[in-house]
């Protein structure tokens, strides 16, 4: 599986690298970096909401503007603070709350994209 990840927290990046060690993973440190590395060769896009420079909402808007067809997974600790209006801006995405259960994260994502 080829994965593009936007995540600014170093510990979470290490966790993702461990969970997806069998996959082809490219990690971006913020939404702007993600936008520069995005192309249609990925199988899934993983995005955090709260990031510096460009946040997850900016990334989702960017993807909508490109008519993205790649499955998007939002993994965030901030979901409890997100309003219904903000949630509707995310569109058709799988939302997973942090902290994530490492034993099932990859399985949940594979199930979502298939």
Protein backbone atom coordinates (compact mmCIF):
# COMPACT_ATOMS: atom_id res chain seq x y z
CA UNK A 1 0.00 0.00 0.00
CA UNK A 2 1.34 3.44 -0.93
CA UNK A 3 0.46 6.06 1.71
CA UNK A 4 0.86 9.85 1.88
CA UNK A 5 0.64 11.15 5.45
CA UNK A 6 0.33 14.71 6.77
CA UNK A 7 1.33 14.71 10.44
CA UNK A 8 3.35 17.25 12.42
CA UNK A 9 3.83 15.30 15.67
CA UNK A 10 7.14 13.42 15.64
CA UNK A 11 5.97 10.65 18.00
CA UNK A 12 2.88 10.00 15.89
CA UNK A 13 5.05 9.86 12.76
CA UNK A 14 7.22 7.20 14.44
CA UNK A 15 4.09 5.26 15.34
CA UNK A 16 2.81 5.39 11.75
CA UNK A 17 6.18 4.27 10.43
CA UNK A 18 5.99 1.28 12.76
CA UNK A 19 2.36 0.41 11.91
CA UNK A 20 2.89 0.79 8.17
CA UNK A 21 6.42 -0.67 8.08
CA UNK A 22 5.42 -3.07 5.29
CA UNK A 23 4.05 -0.24 3.16
CA UNK A 24 5.47 2.54 1.00
CA UNK A 25 4.99 5.58 3.26
CA UNK A 26 5.77 9.24 2.57
CA UNK A 27 5.39 11.56 5.58
CA UNK A 28 4.81 15.31 5.25
CA UNK A 29 5.34 17.62 8.23
CA UNK A 30 2.35 19.86 7.48
CA UNK A 31 -0.44 20.45 4.99
CA UNK A 32 1.67 22.60 2.70
CA UNK A 33 4.30 19.87 2.41
CA UNK A 34 1.50 17.37 1.75
CA UNK A 35 0.12 19.51 -1.09
CA UNK A 36 3.56 19.69 -2.72
CA UNK A 37 4.00 15.89 -2.60
CA UNK A 38 0.45 14.87 -3.55
CA UNK A 39 -0.08 12.93 -6.75
CA UNK A 40 -2.60 10.30 -7.81
CA UNK A 41 -0.25 7.34 -7.27
CA UNK A 42 -1.18 6.86 -3.60
CA UNK A 43 -3.63 4.24 -2.33
CA UNK A 44 -4.67 6.23 0.73
CA UNK A 45 -4.12 9.69 2.21
CA UNK A 46 -3.84 10.13 5.99
CA UNK A 47 -4.32 13.65 7.32
CA UNK A 48 -4.19 15.26 10.75
CA UNK A 49 -6.48 18.24 11.38
CA UNK A 50 -4.36 20.51 13.57
CA UNK A 51 -1.04 21.26 11.85
CA UNK A 52 1.07 24.38 11.32
CA UNK A 53 1.22 26.30 8.03
CA UNK A 54 -1.73 24.52 6.32
CA UNK A 55 -4.07 22.41 8.43
CA UNK A 56 -6.23 19.40 7.62
CA UNK A 57 -9.13 21.56 6.45
CA UNK A 58 -6.81 23.25 3.95
CA UNK A 59 -5.68 19.82 2.73
CA UNK A 60 -9.28 18.60 2.34
CA UNK A 61 -10.18 21.76 0.37
CA UNK A 62 -7.11 21.26 -1.80
CA UNK A 63 -8.13 17.64 -2.51
CA UNK A 64 -11.71 18.64 -3.33
CA UNK A 65 -10.39 21.20 -5.80
CA UNK A 66 -8.52 18.42 -7.59
CA UNK A 67 -11.55 16.10 -7.60
CA UNK A 68 -9.47 13.64 -5.61
CA UNK A 69 -10.63 10.00 -5.80
CA UNK A 70 -8.05 8.57 -3.37
CA UNK A 71 -9.57 7.51 0.00
CA UNK A 72 -8.87 10.01 2.79
CA UNK A 73 -8.46 9.08 6.45
CA UNK A 74 -8.48 11.86 9.05
CA UNK A 75 -6.73 10.83 12.26
CA UNK A 76 -6.98 13.53 14.90
CA UNK A 77 -7.09 14.17 18.62
CA UNK A 78 -9.18 17.29 18.01
CA UNK A 79 -12.39 15.64 16.86
CA UNK A 80 -14.09 16.32 20.20
CA UNK A 81 -13.59 20.04 19.58
CA UNK A 82 -14.70 20.02 15.96
CA UNK A 83 -18.14 21.48 15.29
CA UNK A 84 -20.69 19.69 13.08
CA UNK A 85 -20.14 22.48 10.53
CA UNK A 86 -16.41 21.75 10.45
CA UNK A 87 -17.08 18.00 10.17
CA UNK A 88 -19.28 18.56 7.14
CA UNK A 89 -16.36 20.35 5.45
CA UNK A 90 -14.37 17.12 5.64
CA UNK A 91 -16.71 15.36 3.22
CA UNK A 92 -16.61 11.62 2.71
CA UNK A 93 -13.65 10.59 4.85
CA UNK A 94 -12.95 8.00 7.52
CA UNK A 95 -12.41 9.82 10.81
CA UNK A 96 -10.34 8.07 13.49
CA UNK A 97 -9.80 9.59 16.90
CA UNK A 98 -6.39 9.74 18.57
CA UNK A 99 -5.03 8.00 20.46
CA UNK A 100 -5.27 5.23 17.89
CA UNK A 101 -5.34 1.55 18.68
CA UNK A 102 -2.17 0.46 16.93
CA UNK A 103 -3.19 -3.18 16.64
CA UNK A 104 -6.18 -2.38 14.42
CA UNK A 105 -5.31 0.87 12.62
CA UNK A 106 -3.85 -0.68 9.48
CA UNK A 107 -6.70 -3.20 9.31
CA UNK A 108 -9.33 -0.43 9.59
CA UNK A 109 -7.69 1.56 6.81
CA UNK A 110 -7.35 -1.42 4.50
CA UNK A 111 -11.02 -2.28 5.08
CA UNK A 112 -12.03 1.35 4.35
CA UNK A 113 -10.15 1.61 1.06
CA UNK A 114 -11.34 -1.76 -0.28
